[in-house]
Amino acid sequence: MLPVMCICWAVYAERYWQRGRWGKLLIVTVLLFSLASALDQWVLRIVTSPVAG
């Protein structure tokens, strides 16, 4: 399921990217939000890990 979602996202991202400055801003915003969410989850897992002191 994930590879299909990635391919679909790439197709739509390319279409928005070609629309100009606003499309590029939209794509960069979505990617930065995804990065922030992933880093938040990573830090949360480290903080709540029983190994962490």
Protein backbone atom coordinates (compact mmCIF):
# COMPACT_ATOMS: atom_id res chain seq x y z
CA MET A 1 0.00 0.00 0.00
CA LEU A 2 2.79 2.45 0.86
CA PRO A 3 4.57 2.23 -2.53
CA VAL A 4 1.29 3.01 -4.30
CA MET A 5 0.75 6.02 -2.04
CA CYS A 6 4.29 7.25 -2.75
CA ILE A 7 3.80 6.97 -6.51
CA CYS A 8 0.47 8.79 -6.37
CA TRP A 9 2.00 11.51 -4.19
CA ALA A 10 4.88 11.91 -6.65
CA VAL A 11 2.50 12.34 -9.59
CA TYR A 12 0.47 15.02 -7.82
CA ALA A 13 3.57 16.71 -6.40
CA GLU A 14 5.05 17.01 -9.87
CA ARG A 15 1.86 18.59 -11.19
CA TYR A 16 1.77 21.13 -8.38
CA TRP A 17 5.53 21.79 -8.70
CA GLN A 18 5.06 22.78 -12.35
CA ARG A 19 2.41 25.38 -11.46
CA GLY A 20 5.00 27.89 -10.35
CA ARG A 21 6.01 29.54 -7.14
CA TRP A 22 2.81 28.75 -5.21
CA GLY A 23 2.95 25.10 -6.18
CA LYS A 24 6.56 24.84 -5.05
CA LEU A 25 5.68 26.55 -1.78
CA LEU A 26 2.86 24.06 -1.23
CA ILE A 27 5.13 21.06 -1.85
CA VAL A 28 7.91 22.41 0.39
CA THR A 29 5.36 23.14 3.14
CA VAL A 30 3.95 19.62 2.99
CA LEU A 31 7.44 18.08 3.06
CA LEU A 32 8.54 20.25 5.99
CA PHE A 33 5.38 19.36 7.90
CA SER A 34 6.06 15.67 7.23
CA LEU A 35 9.64 16.06 8.43
CA ALA A 36 8.54 17.85 11.60
CA SER A 37 5.96 15.15 12.33
CA ALA A 38 8.49 12.37 11.81
CA LEU A 39 11.06 14.06 14.04
CA ASP A 40 8.42 14.62 16.71
CA GLN A 41 7.51 10.93 16.68
CA TRP A 42 11.18 9.96 16.80
CA VAL A 43 11.89 12.21 19.80
CA LEU A 44 8.72 11.01 21.55
CA ARG A 45 9.82 7.39 21.15
CA ILE A 46 13.26 8.16 22.55
CA VAL A 47 11.83 10.07 25.52
CA THR A 48 9.30 7.35 26.40
CA SER A 49 11.74 4.49 25.84
CA PRO A 50 12.39 2.36 28.92
CA VAL A 51 16.08 2.38 28.00
CA ALA A 52 16.30 6.17 28.21
CA GLY A 53 17.34 7.23 31.65
